[in-house]
Amino acid sequence: MKKYKIEIEEILQRVVDVEADNLAEALDKVQEQYDNEEITLDYNDFKDVDIRQYIPYIEMGNDDKRYCSECGNEMTQGYCINDGLEYYCNDDCLHKHYTQEEYDKMYDSDYAYWTEWE
């Protein structure tokens, strides 16, 4: 049986009223209240939950870097699965999720490949 890392993200949300001369001031006031713990969100502020495969994005927003879906190491070469949905830096990490036979089938159907990035 395969082992997967699954991430659970809860979203909390609250709308607050604040008096200010402009939007920037209103945002600053609420940020200060939040930083000073005058506003704290809890289970009553629950909005949504997202459950998905965990992929460690160590440096969010940097599209040039790729990280192994298993160990989290930054990659300059490795296996790419399903157009980047999963990355594996070496055979050991890949084979924790896929057998060689499974990888070969994905490779034959252009679903997976080995590559190098600059």
N, C-alpha and C. Protein backbone atom coordinates (compact mmCIF):
# COMPACT_ATOMS: atom_id res chain seq x y z
N MET A 1 0.84 -1.18 0.00
CA MET A 1 0.00 0.00 0.00
C MET A 1 0.89 1.25 0.00
N LYS A 2 0.51 2.23 -0.77
CA LYS A 2 1.28 3.47 -0.88
C LYS A 2 1.00 4.40 0.30
N LYS A 3 1.96 5.24 0.60
CA LYS A 3 1.81 6.23 1.66
C LYS A 3 1.74 7.61 1.01
N TYR A 4 0.80 8.43 1.42
CA TYR A 4 0.62 9.75 0.87
C TYR A 4 0.68 10.80 1.97
N LYS A 5 1.16 11.98 1.62
CA LYS A 5 1.11 13.12 2.53
C LYS A 5 -0.06 13.98 2.09
N ILE A 6 -1.00 14.17 2.99
CA ILE A 6 -2.21 14.93 2.69
C ILE A 6 -2.23 16.17 3.60
N GLU A 7 -2.48 17.29 2.98
CA GLU A 7 -2.51 18.57 3.69
C GLU A 7 -3.97 18.98 3.94
N ILE A 8 -4.24 19.43 5.14
CA ILE A 8 -5.57 19.93 5.49
C ILE A 8 -5.42 21.41 5.84
N GLU A 9 -6.13 22.25 5.12
CA GLU A 9 -6.07 23.69 5.36
C GLU A 9 -7.46 24.19 5.69
N GLU A 10 -7.59 24.80 6.87
CA GLU A 10 -8.86 25.42 7.26
C GLU A 10 -8.78 26.91 6.99
N ILE A 11 -9.87 27.45 6.54
CA ILE A 11 -9.94 28.88 6.28
C ILE A 11 -10.91 29.50 7.28
N LEU A 12 -10.39 30.48 8.01
CA LEU A 12 -11.21 31.24 8.95
C LEU A 12 -11.40 32.65 8.38
N GLN A 13 -12.58 33.21 8.57
CA GLN A 13 -12.85 34.54 8.02
C GLN A 13 -13.82 35.28 8.93
N ARG A 14 -13.53 36.56 9.09
CA ARG A 14 -14.44 37.43 9.83
C ARG A 14 -14.45 38.79 9.15
N VAL A 15 -15.60 39.39 9.05
CA VAL A 15 -15.73 40.75 8.53
C VAL A 15 -15.92 41.67 9.73
N VAL A 16 -15.10 42.72 9.81
CA VAL A 16 -15.20 43.66 10.93
C VAL A 16 -15.48 45.06 10.38
N ASP A 17 -16.19 45.83 11.16
CA ASP A 17 -16.47 47.23 10.82
C ASP A 17 -15.39 48.09 11.47
N VAL A 18 -14.88 49.05 10.73
CA VAL A 18 -13.87 49.96 11.27
C VAL A 18 -14.10 51.35 10.67
N GLU A 19 -13.95 52.36 11.49
CA GLU A 19 -14.07 53.73 11.01
C GLU A 19 -12.69 54.25 10.66
N ALA A 20 -12.59 54.85 9.47
CA ALA A 20 -11.30 55.39 9.01
C ALA A 20 -11.57 56.42 7.93
N ASP A 21 -10.54 57.22 7.63
CA ASP A 21 -10.67 58.25 6.60
C ASP A 21 -10.54 57.67 5.20
N ASN A 22 -9.86 56.50 5.09
CA ASN A 22 -9.70 55.88 3.77
C ASN A 22 -9.43 54.39 3.96
N LEU A 23 -9.42 53.67 2.86
CA LEU A 23 -9.23 52.22 2.90
C LEU A 23 -7.88 51.83 3.49
N ALA A 24 -6.82 52.54 3.11
CA ALA A 24 -5.49 52.21 3.62
C ALA A 24 -5.45 52.32 5.14
N GLU A 25 -6.07 53.38 5.68
CA GLU A 25 -6.11 53.55 7.14
C GLU A 25 -6.94 52.44 7.79
N ALA A 26 -8.04 52.07 7.16
CA ALA A 26 -8.88 51.00 7.69
C ALA A 26 -8.11 49.68 7.75
N LEU A 27 -7.40 49.39 6.68
CA LEU A 27 -6.59 48.16 6.66
C LEU A 27 -5.51 48.19 7.73
N ASP A 28 -4.86 49.32 7.89
CA ASP A 28 -3.81 49.46 8.91
C ASP A 28 -4.39 49.27 10.31
N LYS A 29 -5.55 49.85 10.57
CA LYS A 29 -6.16 49.73 11.89
C LYS A 29 -6.49 48.26 12.22
N VAL A 30 -7.08 47.58 11.25
CA VAL A 30 -7.44 46.18 11.49
C VAL A 30 -6.19 45.32 11.62
N GLN A 31 -5.17 45.60 10.83
CA GLN A 31 -3.92 44.85 10.95
C GLN A 31 -3.32 45.03 12.34
N GLU A 32 -3.35 46.25 12.84
CA GLU A 32 -2.82 46.53 14.18
C GLU A 32 -3.64 45.81 15.25
N GLN A 33 -4.95 45.83 15.12
CA GLN A 33 -5.80 45.12 16.07
C GLN A 33 -5.52 43.62 16.04
N TYR A 34 -5.32 43.09 14.86
CA TYR A 34 -5.02 41.66 14.72
C TYR A 34 -3.65 41.34 15.33
N ASP A 35 -2.65 42.17 15.02
CA ASP A 35 -1.30 41.96 15.56
C ASP A 35 -1.28 42.04 17.08
N ASN A 36 -2.11 42.90 17.64
CA ASN A 36 -2.18 43.07 19.10
C ASN A 36 -3.15 42.08 19.75
N GLU A 37 -3.66 41.15 18.96
CA GLU A 37 -4.58 40.11 19.42
C GLU A 37 -5.89 40.66 19.97
N GLU A 38 -6.26 41.84 19.49
CA GLU A 38 -7.57 42.38 19.82
C GLU A 38 -8.63 41.69 18.96
N ILE A 39 -8.20 41.19 17.81
CA ILE A 39 -9.05 40.37 16.94
C ILE A 39 -8.38 39.01 16.84
N THR A 40 -9.08 37.98 17.28
CA THR A 40 -8.57 36.61 17.13
C THR A 40 -9.67 35.75 16.52
N LEU A 41 -9.30 35.01 15.52
CA LEU A 41 -10.27 34.14 14.85
C LEU A 41 -10.28 32.78 15.54
N ASP A 42 -11.48 32.17 15.59
CA ASP A 42 -11.60 30.85 16.19
C ASP A 42 -12.62 30.03 15.40
N TYR A 43 -13.06 28.91 15.98
CA TYR A 43 -13.96 27.99 15.26
C TYR A 43 -15.26 28.66 14.81
N ASN A 44 -15.67 29.73 15.47
CA ASN A 44 -16.88 30.43 15.06
C ASN A 44 -16.71 31.16 13.73
N ASP A 45 -15.45 31.36 13.32
CA ASP A 45 -15.14 32.07 12.08
C ASP A 45 -14.84 31.11 10.93
N PHE A 46 -15.13 29.83 11.12
CA PHE A 46 -14.84 28.82 10.09
C PHE A 46 -15.58 29.15 8.80
N LYS A 47 -14.83 29.10 7.68
CA LYS A 47 -15.43 29.36 6.37
C LYS A 47 -15.38 28.14 5.48
N ASP A 48 -14.20 27.47 5.41
CA ASP A 48 -14.05 26.39 4.45
C ASP A 48 -12.86 25.52 4.85
N VAL A 49 -12.77 24.36 4.24
CA VAL A 49 -11.62 23.47 4.43
C VAL A 49 -11.20 22.94 3.06
N ASP A 50 -9.90 22.81 2.87
CA ASP A 50 -9.36 22.28 1.63
C ASP A 50 -8.44 21.12 1.98
N ILE A 51 -8.71 19.95 1.41
CA ILE A 51 -7.89 18.77 1.65
C ILE A 51 -7.29 18.37 0.32
N ARG A 52 -5.93 18.28 0.30
CA ARG A 52 -5.23 18.02 -0.95
C ARG A 52 -3.90 17.33 -0.67
N GLN A 53 -3.27 16.86 -1.75
CA GLN A 53 -1.95 16.27 -1.61
C GLN A 53 -0.98 17.34 -1.12
N TYR A 54 -0.14 16.97 -0.16
CA TYR A 54 0.86 17.91 0.36
C TYR A 54 2.05 17.96 -0.58
N ILE A 55 2.37 19.14 -1.05
CA ILE A 55 3.57 19.37 -1.86
C ILE A 55 4.30 20.53 -1.20
N PRO A 56 5.51 20.29 -0.70
CA PRO A 56 6.20 21.34 0.05
C PRO A 56 6.69 22.47 -0.85
N TYR A 57 6.06 23.60 -0.74
CA TYR A 57 6.49 24.79 -1.46
C TYR A 57 7.30 25.63 -0.49
N ILE A 58 8.59 25.39 -0.45
CA ILE A 58 9.45 26.04 0.52
C ILE A 58 9.55 27.52 0.25
N GLU A 59 9.61 27.90 -1.01
CA GLU A 59 9.65 29.32 -1.37
C GLU A 59 8.45 29.60 -2.25
N MET A 60 7.34 29.91 -1.62
CA MET A 60 6.11 30.15 -2.35
C MET A 60 6.29 31.28 -3.35
N GLY A 61 5.66 31.12 -4.49
CA GLY A 61 5.68 32.16 -5.50
C GLY A 61 6.89 32.13 -6.41
N ASN A 62 7.84 31.24 -6.18
CA ASN A 62 8.99 31.16 -7.07
C ASN A 62 8.78 29.99 -8.01
N ASP A 63 8.25 30.27 -9.20
CA ASP A 63 7.91 29.23 -10.16
C ASP A 63 9.13 28.56 -10.76
N ASP A 64 10.31 29.13 -10.58
CA ASP A 64 11.51 28.57 -11.16
C ASP A 64 12.05 27.38 -10.36
N LYS A 65 11.61 27.22 -9.14
CA LYS A 65 12.14 26.15 -8.30
C LYS A 65 11.13 25.03 -8.18
N ARG A 66 11.66 23.81 -8.11
CA ARG A 66 10.82 22.64 -7.93
C ARG A 66 11.33 21.86 -6.73
N TYR A 67 10.41 21.25 -6.01
CA TYR A 67 10.75 20.52 -4.81
C TYR A 67 10.18 19.11 -4.87
N CYS A 68 10.92 18.16 -4.36
CA CYS A 68 10.50 16.77 -4.35
C CYS A 68 9.23 16.62 -3.52
N SER A 69 8.24 15.95 -4.08
CA SER A 69 6.97 15.74 -3.39
C SER A 69 7.11 14.79 -2.21
N GLU A 70 8.18 14.03 -2.17
CA GLU A 70 8.40 13.09 -1.07
C GLU A 70 9.25 13.70 0.04
N CYS A 71 10.45 14.17 -0.30
CA CYS A 71 11.39 14.60 0.74
C CYS A 71 11.49 16.12 0.89
N GLY A 72 10.97 16.88 -0.08
CA GLY A 72 10.99 18.33 0.01
C GLY A 72 12.27 18.99 -0.46
N ASN A 73 13.24 18.20 -0.92
CA ASN A 73 14.50 18.77 -1.40
C ASN A 73 14.29 19.57 -2.68
N GLU A 74 15.02 20.68 -2.79
CA GLU A 74 14.99 21.46 -4.02
C GLU A 74 15.60 20.64 -5.14
N MET A 75 15.04 20.75 -6.33
CA MET A 75 15.48 19.91 -7.44
C MET A 75 15.99 20.74 -8.61
N THR A 76 17.05 20.24 -9.24
CA THR A 76 17.51 20.77 -10.53
C THR A 76 17.33 19.73 -11.61
N GLN A 77 17.02 18.51 -11.21
CA GLN A 77 16.69 17.43 -12.13
C GLN A 77 15.83 16.42 -11.39
N GLY A 78 15.08 15.64 -12.14
CA GLY A 78 14.28 14.62 -11.48
C GLY A 78 13.09 14.20 -12.30
N TYR A 79 12.21 13.46 -11.67
CA TYR A 79 11.01 12.94 -12.30
C TYR A 79 9.89 13.96 -12.20
N CYS A 80 9.18 14.14 -13.30
CA CYS A 80 8.01 15.02 -13.35
C CYS A 80 6.81 14.14 -13.66
N ILE A 81 5.80 14.21 -12.82
CA ILE A 81 4.60 13.39 -12.98
C ILE A 81 3.40 14.31 -13.20
N ASN A 82 2.59 13.97 -14.20
CA ASN A 82 1.33 14.68 -14.47
C ASN A 82 1.53 16.19 -14.60
N ASP A 83 2.41 16.59 -15.51
CA ASP A 83 2.66 18.01 -15.79
C ASP A 83 3.01 18.82 -14.55
N GLY A 84 3.77 18.21 -13.63
CA GLY A 84 4.24 18.93 -12.46
C GLY A 84 3.36 18.82 -11.23
N LEU A 85 2.35 17.98 -11.27
CA LEU A 85 1.54 17.76 -10.07
C LEU A 85 2.39 17.11 -8.99
N GLU A 86 3.35 16.26 -9.42
CA GLU A 86 4.27 15.62 -8.50
C GLU A 86 5.68 15.70 -9.08
N TYR A 87 6.67 15.83 -8.19
CA TYR A 87 8.08 15.79 -8.57
C TYR A 87 8.80 14.84 -7.62
N TYR A 88 9.75 14.09 -8.14
CA TYR A 88 10.58 13.21 -7.31
C TYR A 88 12.03 13.39 -7.72
N CYS A 89 12.90 13.56 -6.72
CA CYS A 89 14.29 13.90 -6.99
C CYS A 89 15.15 12.70 -7.34
N ASN A 90 14.73 11.50 -6.99
CA ASN A 90 15.54 10.32 -7.29
C ASN A 90 14.66 9.08 -7.29
N ASP A 91 15.28 7.93 -7.61
CA ASP A 91 14.54 6.68 -7.67
C ASP A 91 13.92 6.31 -6.33
N ASP A 92 14.66 6.54 -5.25
CA ASP A 92 14.14 6.18 -3.92
C ASP A 92 12.84 6.89 -3.62
N CYS A 93 12.80 8.21 -3.86
CA CYS A 93 11.58 8.98 -3.60
C CYS A 93 10.45 8.56 -4.54
N LEU A 94 10.78 8.36 -5.81
CA LEU A 94 9.77 7.94 -6.79
C LEU A 94 9.15 6.62 -6.39
N HIS A 95 10.00 5.66 -6.00
CA HIS A 95 9.51 4.30 -5.74
C HIS A 95 8.81 4.16 -4.39
N LYS A 96 8.77 5.21 -3.61
CA LYS A 96 7.93 5.20 -2.42
C LYS A 96 6.46 5.39 -2.80
N HIS A 97 6.24 5.86 -4.03
CA HIS A 97 4.88 6.12 -4.50
C HIS A 97 4.49 5.28 -5.70
N TYR A 98 5.47 4.91 -6.53
CA TYR A 98 5.19 4.16 -7.75
C TYR A 98 6.22 3.06 -7.91
N THR A 99 5.76 1.90 -8.37
CA THR A 99 6.69 0.84 -8.73
C THR A 99 7.34 1.21 -10.05
N GLN A 100 8.40 0.53 -10.42
CA GLN A 100 9.04 0.78 -11.70
C GLN A 100 8.07 0.50 -12.84
N GLU A 101 7.27 -0.55 -12.69
CA GLU A 101 6.28 -0.89 -13.72
C GLU A 101 5.24 0.22 -13.87
N GLU A 102 4.78 0.77 -12.75
CA GLU A 102 3.80 1.87 -12.81
C GLU A 102 4.42 3.10 -13.48
N TYR A 103 5.67 3.41 -13.13
CA TYR A 103 6.34 4.55 -13.76
C TYR A 103 6.50 4.32 -15.25
N ASP A 104 6.91 3.12 -15.65
CA ASP A 104 7.09 2.82 -17.07
C ASP A 104 5.80 3.01 -17.85
N LYS A 105 4.68 2.61 -17.26
CA LYS A 105 3.38 2.80 -17.93
C LYS A 105 3.06 4.29 -18.07
N MET A 106 3.34 5.06 -17.00
CA MET A 106 3.09 6.50 -17.08
C MET A 106 4.01 7.14 -18.12
N TYR A 107 5.26 6.70 -18.16
CA TYR A 107 6.22 7.23 -19.13
C TYR A 107 5.75 6.93 -20.55
N ASP A 108 5.33 5.70 -20.79
CA ASP A 108 4.88 5.29 -22.13
C ASP A 108 3.66 6.09 -22.59
N SER A 109 2.86 6.57 -21.65
CA SER A 109 1.67 7.35 -22.01
C SER A 109 1.90 8.86 -21.87
N ASP A 110 3.18 9.28 -21.82
CA ASP A 110 3.55 10.70 -21.70
C ASP A 110 2.98 11.36 -20.46
N TYR A 111 2.80 10.59 -19.40
CA TYR A 111 2.28 11.08 -18.14
C TYR A 111 3.40 11.40 -17.16
N ALA A 112 4.60 10.85 -17.45
CA ALA A 112 5.73 11.02 -16.55
C ALA A 112 7.03 11.00 -17.35
N TYR A 113 8.05 11.73 -16.85
CA TYR A 113 9.35 11.74 -17.53
C TYR A 113 10.41 12.26 -16.57
N TRP A 114 11.67 12.04 -16.93
CA TRP A 114 12.84 12.55 -16.22
C TRP A 114 13.31 13.78 -16.97
N THR A 115 13.71 14.84 -16.25
CA THR A 115 14.15 16.05 -16.91
C THR A 115 15.16 16.80 -16.05
N GLU A 116 15.75 17.82 -16.61
CA GLU A 116 16.66 18.72 -15.90
C GLU A 116 16.17 20.14 -16.08
N TRP A 117 16.29 20.95 -15.01
CA TRP A 117 15.90 22.34 -15.06
C TRP A 117 17.13 23.20 -14.84
N GLU A 118 17.10 24.39 -15.36
CA GLU A 118 18.24 25.30 -15.19
C GLU A 118 18.19 25.99 -13.86
